Amino acid sequence: MTRPVKRRLLGLSVLGISALGISLLGAAPLSLNLAQAQAAAPASAQDLFAQVIYKLAQFYGGNAVFRASDLNKTYGPQIKAACAAQKICDPARSHPIIKKMLAGLNDKHTNFYTAQEIAQFKTGLGSGVVTQRSLGIVTEPLGSGGQVIAEVYPNSPASRALWQVGDVIRSANAVALDGVQGKAALTHLGSREQSAEFRLERQGKAMTAQVTPGPVALELLSARPAPGAPDITLIRLRAFLPGVAQQLHDALRAAQNKSADTRGGGVILDLRWNGGGLLDEYLLALAAFMDPPKLINQARFVTTTLGYQSGKLTLNGAALPGPGLSSPVRYSGKLVVLVDRDTASAAEYLATDLLGRPGTTVIGEPTYGLGDTGTTLQELSDGSVLQITTISVLNAQKQPRPSKVIPPVSARLDLRQLTSAGQDSMLSLAIQTLNSTP
């Protein structure tokens, strides 16, 4: 038996949290019991495929136009062929066909994840702390030259190996890590338990390192003085998971007090590589900067209005149960928001709303494009999970929200500057912008 997840999602970017190699990003807590689910696994791949078709017919509310019966006619024979000569067909035989079918919908919010892909994520989603085996880095592809390290997480295999921002990972086990494919290969390698030999380059000097991926805890939010600008607070918000909104309010309270003491400063909110997460956390986070607008969630058969009032979320005007914010703050100082092509879902919602905030500058490149819909996660009986677009999100005027953020100040991370000097060009521009703003 499947059970819908109760937390509201602003979709989960399929980009994954590149720092941790997680292929499912910004998810809500799952009640999935893998052992129980696998014990009650469907009798065949055909049964699992039928579950997916049923769930799409029951819940899908996105922009893709299709009939579930047509999907069954197109892909059902492929399931049958994959199970030819199998008395009881392993559900896993349907997984690649289901993924292919969903990819054909061209809806980035609708995806299929196997039990193995979701298992390590389960505990962290419930606690607000994401822990997974990885190298503990965020990288950017350097064309045909490998992967540039853009961030190193503390207490990670990468930090213990003394890797630094700006290092270039050329190869792993003598296999080149070029382009987007190289980034995907590096992510996959980081999820394995085997040690690997890496060839790196630091400012022209070749290095080698033998590193074994290990458990890494993702710090959802960090706040520290900006490099070379102690009066400015740099807040890096990595995912909209449970509790992060209150962390943001606390960090902004400290930043506002510091700005009052120094009569300057400001805040840089770094949303780069943030793939999204919970709708609840986005609205509670936005309340730290401005009055959150009402959101009209338009599903197939029902329309609801989600809002915010005095530290609590409201649904159709009534306060929702839950902790809300224990200590909200309203930051009134200068703000720069950084976004990039990997900024997705809830992070796009937040950046879109901050475009209209006085004293705010949004810097970066066009974002991923998940800023106008929301999803739910449906647990399937073999332990896999179906992510489905269930709502289109409208503004208070009942107009569609923009799917992407187009920053007024265009900028991209200068990888040459990052590799030659370890300097983040976008962060430097943000500091310069704050220092030049009255």
Protein backbone atom coordinates (compact mmCIF):
# COMPACT_ATOMS: atom_id res chain seq x y z
CA MET A 1 0.00 0.00 0.00
CA THR A 2 1.32 3.45 -0.86
CA ARG A 3 0.95 6.57 1.25
CA PRO A 4 1.29 10.17 0.04
CA VAL A 5 3.85 12.36 1.76
CA LYS A 6 2.13 15.09 3.76
CA ARG A 7 4.68 17.90 3.57
CA ARG A 8 4.21 20.34 0.70
CA LEU A 9 7.02 20.28 -1.82
CA LEU A 10 8.22 22.83 -4.30
CA GLY A 11 9.60 20.07 -6.36
CA LEU A 12 12.92 18.36 -6.19
CA SER A 13 15.45 19.25 -8.77
CA VAL A 14 16.89 16.25 -10.58
CA LEU A 15 20.21 18.06 -10.49
CA GLY A 16 20.88 16.62 -7.07
CA ILE A 17 22.93 18.18 -4.33
CA SER A 18 26.18 18.08 -6.23
CA ALA A 19 28.24 18.52 -3.10
CA LEU A 20 26.96 15.25 -1.74
CA GLY A 21 26.15 13.38 -4.90
CA ILE A 22 22.48 13.11 -4.00
CA SER A 23 20.25 12.51 -6.98
CA LEU A 24 17.10 13.56 -5.13
CA LEU A 25 17.13 17.09 -3.92
CA GLY A 26 15.28 19.10 -1.30
CA ALA A 27 12.84 16.39 -0.37
CA ALA A 28 10.25 16.14 2.36
CA PRO A 29 10.41 13.59 5.16
CA LEU A 30 9.54 10.12 3.92
CA SER A 31 7.75 7.61 6.11
CA LEU A 32 9.14 4.82 3.95
CA ASN A 33 10.04 1.60 5.73
CA LEU A 34 12.24 -0.10 3.14
CA ALA A 35 12.20 -3.55 4.72
CA GLN A 36 8.43 -3.49 4.98
CA ALA A 37 8.01 -2.10 1.49
CA GLN A 38 10.30 -4.69 -0.05
CA ALA A 39 8.56 -7.49 1.84
CA ALA A 40 5.30 -6.34 0.28
CA ALA A 41 6.84 -5.88 -3.15
CA PRO A 42 4.56 -6.25 -6.16
CA ALA A 43 4.44 -9.64 -7.82
CA SER A 44 5.92 -8.37 -11.05
CA ALA A 45 7.37 -5.49 -13.00
CA GLN A 46 3.98 -5.21 -14.70
CA ASP A 47 2.35 -4.54 -11.33
CA LEU A 48 4.82 -1.76 -10.49
CA PHE A 49 4.33 -0.19 -13.92
CA ALA A 50 0.57 -0.31 -13.39
CA GLN A 51 1.00 1.48 -10.04
CA VAL A 52 2.91 4.31 -11.74
CA ILE A 53 0.29 4.66 -14.47
CA TYR A 54 -2.46 4.78 -11.83
CA LYS A 55 -0.63 7.39 -9.75
CA LEU A 56 -0.08 9.61 -12.80
CA ALA A 57 -3.77 9.40 -13.67
CA GLN A 58 -4.75 10.12 -10.06
CA PHE A 59 -2.37 12.93 -9.10
CA TYR A 60 -0.67 14.60 -12.07
CA GLY A 61 -1.46 18.32 -12.29
CA GLY A 62 1.46 19.75 -14.25
CA ASN A 63 1.78 21.26 -17.69
CA ALA A 64 2.50 18.09 -19.65
CA VAL A 65 -0.41 16.95 -21.82
CA PHE A 66 -0.93 13.20 -21.91
CA ARG A 67 -3.41 10.42 -21.26
CA ALA A 68 -2.35 7.73 -18.84
CA SER A 69 -4.04 5.16 -21.07
CA ASP A 70 -1.85 6.24 -23.99
CA LEU A 71 1.28 5.86 -21.85
CA ASN A 72 0.12 2.37 -20.99
CA LYS A 73 -0.36 1.53 -24.67
CA THR A 74 3.09 2.87 -25.59
CA TYR A 75 5.20 1.51 -22.74
CA GLY A 76 3.19 -1.50 -21.62
CA PRO A 77 4.52 -3.63 -24.52
CA GLN A 78 8.08 -2.64 -23.55
CA ILE A 79 7.46 -3.96 -20.05
CA LYS A 80 6.09 -7.15 -21.54
CA ALA A 81 9.15 -7.54 -23.76
CA ALA A 82 11.51 -6.91 -20.85
CA CYS A 83 9.79 -9.66 -18.92
CA ALA A 84 9.67 -12.21 -21.73
CA ALA A 85 10.34 -15.77 -20.52
CA GLN A 86 10.22 -14.59 -16.88
CA LYS A 87 7.72 -16.50 -14.76
CA ILE A 88 7.78 -13.79 -12.08
CA CYS A 89 9.33 -10.63 -13.46
CA ASP A 90 11.55 -8.68 -11.06
CA PRO A 91 10.10 -5.16 -10.56
CA ALA A 92 13.58 -3.76 -11.21
CA ARG A 93 13.15 -4.68 -14.88
CA SER A 94 10.52 -1.94 -15.14
CA HIS A 95 12.68 0.81 -13.61
CA PRO A 96 14.52 1.97 -16.77
CA ILE A 97 11.30 1.88 -18.78
CA ILE A 98 9.45 3.93 -16.17
CA LYS A 99 12.28 6.47 -16.09
CA LYS A 100 12.23 6.69 -19.89
CA MET A 101 8.46 7.20 -19.90
CA LEU A 102 8.62 10.01 -17.34
CA ALA A 103 11.53 11.70 -19.14
CA GLY A 104 9.33 11.79 -22.22
CA LEU A 105 6.83 14.00 -20.41
CA ASN A 106 9.43 16.82 -20.36
CA ASP A 107 8.41 17.74 -16.82
CA LYS A 108 11.46 18.25 -14.60
CA HIS A 109 9.29 17.86 -11.51
CA THR A 110 8.08 14.35 -12.34
CA ASN A 111 10.67 11.61 -11.70
CA PHE A 112 11.16 8.04 -10.51
CA TYR A 113 13.69 7.02 -7.84
CA THR A 114 14.62 3.47 -6.94
CA ALA A 115 14.73 2.27 -3.34
CA GLN A 116 18.52 2.39 -3.50
CA GLU A 117 18.46 6.01 -4.67
CA ILE A 118 16.12 7.07 -1.88
CA ALA A 119 17.32 4.91 1.01
CA GLN A 120 20.25 6.98 2.30
CA PHE A 121 18.16 10.13 2.06
CA LYS A 122 15.32 8.95 4.31
CA THR A 123 16.74 9.61 7.79
CA GLY A 124 18.19 13.00 6.96
CA LEU A 125 14.94 14.29 5.52
CA GLY A 126 13.12 13.65 8.76
CA SER A 127 15.71 15.39 10.90
CA GLY A 128 16.68 18.28 8.64
CA VAL A 129 20.24 16.99 8.42
CA VAL A 130 21.28 15.30 5.20
CA THR A 131 24.04 12.73 5.57
CA GLN A 132 25.27 10.60 2.71
CA ARG A 133 28.40 8.90 1.52
CA SER A 134 30.26 11.29 -0.78
CA LEU A 135 33.49 13.21 -1.29
CA GLY A 136 31.97 16.38 0.20
CA ILE A 137 32.52 18.85 -2.64
CA VAL A 138 30.62 21.09 -5.03
CA THR A 139 32.15 21.17 -8.51
CA GLU A 140 31.71 23.01 -11.79
CA PRO A 141 32.63 21.44 -15.16
CA LEU A 142 35.73 22.94 -16.77
CA GLY A 143 34.96 21.98 -20.35
CA SER A 144 37.45 19.32 -21.36
CA GLY A 145 39.72 20.05 -18.41
CA GLY A 146 37.93 18.26 -15.55
CA GLN A 147 35.95 19.56 -12.56
CA VAL A 148 36.73 22.71 -10.58
CA ILE A 149 36.06 22.53 -6.85
CA ALA A 150 33.74 25.40 -5.90
CA GLU A 151 33.13 24.36 -2.30
CA VAL A 152 34.62 21.88 0.18
CA TYR A 153 32.52 20.72 3.10
CA PRO A 154 34.15 20.57 6.53
CA ASN A 155 34.83 17.15 8.06
CA SER A 156 34.55 15.51 4.66
CA PRO A 157 36.91 13.16 2.78
CA ALA A 158 37.84 16.09 0.52
CA SER A 159 38.71 18.37 3.46
CA ARG A 160 40.75 15.62 5.11
CA ALA A 161 42.62 15.19 1.83
CA LEU A 162 43.35 18.95 2.00
CA TRP A 163 41.51 19.71 -1.23
CA GLN A 164 40.80 23.40 -1.74
CA VAL A 165 38.42 25.66 -3.62
CA GLY A 166 39.93 26.21 -7.06
CA ASP A 167 41.58 22.78 -7.30
CA VAL A 168 40.85 21.02 -10.59
CA ILE A 169 40.05 17.30 -10.50
CA ARG A 170 41.37 16.01 -13.81
CA SER A 171 40.68 12.29 -13.51
CA ALA A 172 39.68 9.45 -11.20
CA ASN A 173 41.27 6.03 -11.57
CA ALA A 174 42.88 7.29 -14.79
CA VAL A 175 39.45 8.16 -16.31
CA ALA A 176 39.04 11.78 -17.42
CA LEU A 177 36.26 13.77 -15.72
CA ASP A 178 35.34 16.14 -18.52
CA GLY A 179 32.15 18.16 -18.89
CA VAL A 180 28.71 17.34 -17.55
CA GLN A 181 29.34 13.61 -17.99
CA GLY A 182 32.47 13.91 -15.90
CA LYS A 183 30.54 15.66 -13.16
CA ALA A 184 27.96 12.85 -13.15
CA ALA A 185 30.74 10.25 -13.04
CA LEU A 186 32.38 12.04 -10.11
CA THR A 187 29.05 12.13 -8.26
CA HIS A 188 28.55 8.41 -8.84
CA LEU A 189 32.09 7.64 -7.73
CA GLY A 190 31.52 9.62 -4.53
CA SER A 191 28.55 7.44 -3.59
CA ARG A 192 30.61 4.24 -3.62
CA GLU A 193 32.63 2.77 -0.77
CA GLN A 194 35.74 2.05 -2.84
CA SER A 195 38.86 4.16 -2.64
CA ALA A 196 39.87 5.94 -5.84
CA GLU A 197 43.03 7.61 -7.10
CA PHE A 198 42.45 11.20 -8.13
CA ARG A 199 44.69 13.35 -10.26
CA LEU A 200 44.33 17.04 -9.44
CA GLU A 201 45.93 20.32 -10.33
CA ARG A 202 46.39 23.33 -8.05
CA GLN A 203 47.48 26.54 -9.76
CA GLY A 204 49.38 24.58 -12.38
CA LYS A 205 50.93 22.05 -9.98
CA ALA A 206 49.95 18.40 -10.46
CA MET A 207 48.89 16.34 -7.44
CA THR A 208 47.56 12.86 -6.77
CA ALA A 209 45.43 11.67 -3.87
CA GLN A 210 43.93 8.37 -2.79
CA VAL A 211 40.52 9.16 -1.27
CA THR A 212 37.70 6.98 0.00
CA PRO A 213 34.20 8.53 0.03
CA GLY A 214 32.59 8.62 3.46
CA PRO A 215 29.56 9.97 5.35
CA VAL A 216 29.24 13.73 4.99
CA ALA A 217 26.70 15.89 6.83
CA LEU A 218 25.31 18.71 4.75
CA GLU A 219 25.15 21.95 6.71
CA LEU A 220 21.87 23.36 5.46
CA LEU A 221 22.85 26.93 6.30
CA SER A 222 26.11 28.58 7.22
CA ALA A 223 26.72 32.22 8.16
CA ARG A 224 30.12 33.85 8.40
CA PRO A 225 31.85 37.14 7.58
CA ALA A 226 32.40 37.58 3.86
CA PRO A 227 36.05 37.10 2.83
CA GLY A 228 37.89 40.40 3.11
CA ALA A 229 34.71 42.18 4.25
CA PRO A 230 34.08 41.43 7.95
CA ASP A 231 31.15 43.87 8.15
CA ILE A 232 29.23 41.84 5.53
CA THR A 233 27.54 38.55 6.46
CA LEU A 234 27.69 35.73 3.91
CA ILE A 235 24.79 33.29 4.32
CA ARG A 236 25.00 30.12 2.27
CA LEU A 237 21.58 28.42 2.10
CA ARG A 238 21.97 24.95 0.58
CA ALA A 239 18.51 23.35 0.74
CA PHE A 240 15.02 24.13 2.04
CA LEU A 241 14.74 21.24 4.46
CA PRO A 242 13.06 21.21 7.89
CA GLY A 243 14.31 23.88 10.27
CA VAL A 244 16.36 25.90 7.80
CA ALA A 245 13.95 28.86 7.82
CA GLN A 246 14.44 29.40 11.55
CA GLN A 247 18.20 29.12 11.04
CA LEU A 248 17.94 31.87 8.44
CA HIS A 249 15.96 34.13 10.78
CA ASP A 250 18.56 33.61 13.51
CA ALA A 251 21.44 34.38 11.13
CA LEU A 252 19.72 37.53 9.87
CA ARG A 253 19.06 38.73 13.41
CA ALA A 254 22.78 38.52 14.13
CA ALA A 255 23.59 40.23 10.82
CA GLN A 256 21.16 43.05 11.51
CA ASN A 257 22.65 43.64 14.95
CA LYS A 258 26.15 43.69 13.44
CA SER A 259 25.10 46.16 10.74
CA ALA A 260 23.61 48.44 13.40
CA ASP A 261 26.89 48.37 15.30
CA THR A 262 29.04 49.06 12.24
CA ARG A 263 26.57 51.32 10.38
CA GLY A 264 27.38 49.49 7.17
CA GLY A 265 27.65 45.90 6.15
CA GLY A 266 24.80 44.01 4.59
CA VAL A 267 24.00 40.41 3.74
CA ILE A 268 24.88 38.17 0.83
CA LEU A 269 22.37 35.33 0.46
CA ASP A 270 24.04 32.63 -1.65
CA LEU A 271 21.48 30.35 -3.32
CA ARG A 272 23.84 28.84 -5.87
CA TRP A 273 23.65 25.04 -6.17
CA ASN A 274 20.46 25.10 -4.09
CA GLY A 275 18.04 22.65 -5.69
CA GLY A 276 14.97 23.54 -3.63
CA GLY A 277 12.84 21.71 -1.08
CA LEU A 278 9.81 22.37 1.06
CA LEU A 279 7.16 24.96 0.30
CA ASP A 280 6.71 25.55 4.03
CA GLU A 281 10.37 26.41 4.53
CA TYR A 282 10.43 28.77 1.52
CA LEU A 283 7.51 30.84 2.84
CA LEU A 284 8.88 30.93 6.39
CA ALA A 285 12.28 31.94 5.02
CA LEU A 286 10.80 34.71 2.87
CA ALA A 287 9.14 36.18 5.98
CA ALA A 288 12.61 37.14 7.20
CA PHE A 289 12.79 39.73 4.39
CA MET A 290 9.25 40.79 3.53
CA ASP A 291 5.56 39.94 3.89
CA PRO A 292 5.16 36.67 1.97
CA PRO A 293 2.56 36.82 -0.80
CA LYS A 294 -0.35 34.42 -0.87
CA LEU A 295 0.19 31.44 -3.14
CA ILE A 296 -2.68 29.86 -5.03
CA ASN A 297 -2.02 26.15 -5.48
CA GLN A 298 -4.02 24.89 -8.43
CA ALA A 299 -4.39 21.11 -8.56
CA ARG A 300 -6.57 19.02 -10.86
CA PHE A 301 -9.63 18.96 -8.67
CA VAL A 302 -9.03 21.54 -5.94
CA THR A 303 -7.52 24.99 -5.47
CA THR A 304 -6.07 26.13 -2.15
CA THR A 305 -4.45 29.32 -0.89
CA LEU A 306 -1.32 29.16 1.24
CA GLY A 307 -0.25 32.19 3.25
CA TYR A 308 1.73 33.43 6.23
CA GLN A 309 0.73 35.27 9.39
CA SER A 310 2.70 35.98 12.57
CA GLY A 311 5.22 33.17 12.24
CA LYS A 312 2.65 30.60 11.11
CA LEU A 313 1.52 29.26 7.76
CA THR A 314 -2.14 29.48 6.82
CA LEU A 315 -4.26 27.34 4.49
CA ASN A 316 -7.34 29.04 3.09
CA GLY A 317 -7.00 31.61 5.89
CA ALA A 318 -6.78 29.15 8.79
CA ALA A 319 -3.54 28.60 10.71
CA LEU A 320 -1.84 25.31 9.93
CA PRO A 321 -0.65 23.05 12.76
CA GLY A 322 3.08 22.83 13.23
CA PRO A 323 5.87 24.73 14.93
CA GLY A 324 6.18 27.60 12.46
CA LEU A 325 8.80 30.14 13.53
CA SER A 326 9.68 30.32 17.21
CA SER A 327 11.55 33.59 16.86
CA PRO A 328 10.89 35.46 13.60
CA VAL A 329 12.84 38.53 12.52
CA ARG A 330 12.41 41.04 9.69
CA TYR A 331 15.77 41.95 8.16
CA SER A 332 15.70 45.53 6.85
CA GLY A 333 19.26 46.02 5.63
CA LYS A 334 21.03 45.78 2.28
CA LEU A 335 20.88 42.43 0.51
CA VAL A 336 22.53 40.74 -2.46
CA VAL A 337 21.20 37.39 -3.68
CA LEU A 338 23.40 35.06 -5.75
CA VAL A 339 21.82 32.52 -8.11
CA ASP A 340 23.08 30.26 -10.88
CA ARG A 341 21.79 27.69 -13.37
CA ASP A 342 21.59 25.11 -10.57
CA THR A 343 19.33 27.29 -8.39
CA ALA A 344 16.01 25.49 -8.56
CA SER A 345 12.52 25.09 -7.16
CA ALA A 346 12.08 26.66 -3.68
CA ALA A 347 15.28 28.66 -4.16
CA GLU A 348 13.80 30.11 -7.36
CA TYR A 349 10.60 31.00 -5.52
CA LEU A 350 12.57 32.89 -2.88
CA ALA A 351 14.78 34.71 -5.40
CA THR A 352 11.75 35.67 -7.52
CA ASP A 353 10.03 37.32 -4.56
CA LEU A 354 13.21 39.09 -3.44
CA LEU A 355 13.50 40.76 -6.86
CA GLY A 356 10.85 43.22 -5.66
CA ARG A 357 12.34 43.90 -2.24
CA PRO A 358 13.83 47.41 -1.77
CA GLY A 359 17.57 47.47 -1.20
CA THR A 360 18.02 44.07 -2.87
CA THR A 361 20.18 43.15 -5.87
CA VAL A 362 19.95 39.72 -7.51
CA ILE A 363 23.13 38.68 -9.30
CA GLY A 364 23.85 35.60 -11.40
CA GLU A 365 22.60 33.64 -14.39
CA PRO A 366 19.13 32.38 -15.40
CA THR A 367 18.02 29.68 -12.99
CA TYR A 368 16.97 26.08 -13.57
CA GLY A 369 13.26 26.59 -14.29
CA LEU A 370 11.17 24.92 -11.57
CA GLY A 371 9.74 28.09 -10.05
CA ASP A 372 6.08 27.64 -10.95
CA THR A 373 4.98 24.15 -9.89
CA GLY A 374 4.99 21.87 -6.87
CA THR A 375 5.13 18.13 -6.31
CA THR A 376 4.35 15.25 -4.04
CA LEU A 377 6.22 12.01 -3.43
CA GLN A 378 4.36 8.72 -3.72
CA GLU A 379 5.89 5.63 -2.16
CA LEU A 380 5.56 2.49 -4.26
CA SER A 381 5.40 -1.02 -2.89
CA ASP A 382 8.91 -2.11 -3.91
CA GLY A 383 10.47 0.79 -1.98
CA SER A 384 10.80 3.07 -5.00
CA VAL A 385 9.36 6.59 -5.03
CA LEU A 386 7.40 8.44 -7.70
CA GLN A 387 7.70 12.22 -7.68
CA ILE A 388 4.72 13.82 -9.41
CA THR A 389 3.91 17.40 -10.32
CA THR A 390 0.62 17.97 -8.57
CA ILE A 391 0.09 21.74 -8.59
CA SER A 392 0.65 24.84 -10.64
CA VAL A 393 1.40 27.78 -8.37
CA LEU A 394 -0.23 31.12 -9.13
CA ASN A 395 0.29 34.51 -7.53
CA ALA A 396 -2.39 36.40 -5.64
CA GLN A 397 -3.67 37.81 -8.96
CA LYS A 398 -4.13 34.22 -10.18
CA GLN A 399 -1.36 34.62 -12.73
CA PRO A 400 1.35 31.97 -13.23
CA ARG A 401 4.60 32.60 -11.43
CA PRO A 402 7.73 32.78 -13.58
CA SER A 403 9.45 29.42 -13.92
CA LYS A 404 12.93 31.00 -13.96
CA VAL A 405 14.69 33.92 -12.32
CA ILE A 406 16.42 36.26 -14.78
CA PRO A 407 18.82 38.27 -12.60
CA PRO A 408 18.98 42.04 -13.29
CA VAL A 409 22.77 41.82 -12.86
CA SER A 410 24.16 39.09 -15.08
CA ALA A 411 27.23 37.21 -13.88
CA ARG A 412 28.77 33.75 -14.06
CA LEU A 413 31.40 32.14 -11.91
CA ASP A 414 34.77 32.86 -13.52
CA LEU A 415 36.37 29.42 -13.45
CA ARG A 416 39.72 30.72 -14.65
CA GLN A 417 39.88 33.13 -11.73
CA LEU A 418 38.73 30.36 -9.38
CA THR A 419 41.47 27.98 -10.55
CA SER A 420 44.27 30.54 -10.70
CA ALA A 421 43.62 32.33 -7.41
CA GLY A 422 40.86 30.42 -5.62
CA GLN A 423 38.73 33.56 -5.86
CA ASP A 424 34.95 33.47 -6.30
CA SER A 425 34.21 36.19 -8.86
CA MET A 426 30.48 36.31 -8.13
CA LEU A 427 31.09 36.67 -4.42
CA SER A 428 33.57 39.48 -5.12
CA LEU A 429 30.93 41.25 -7.22
CA ALA A 430 28.38 40.87 -4.42
CA ILE A 431 30.77 42.43 -1.90
CA GLN A 432 31.53 45.27 -4.29
CA THR A 433 27.80 45.86 -4.84
CA LEU A 434 27.07 46.11 -1.13
CA ASN A 435 30.02 48.39 -0.47
CA SER A 436 28.87 50.76 -3.23
CA THR A 437 25.22 50.81 -2.10
CA PRO A 438 24.26 53.61 0.33
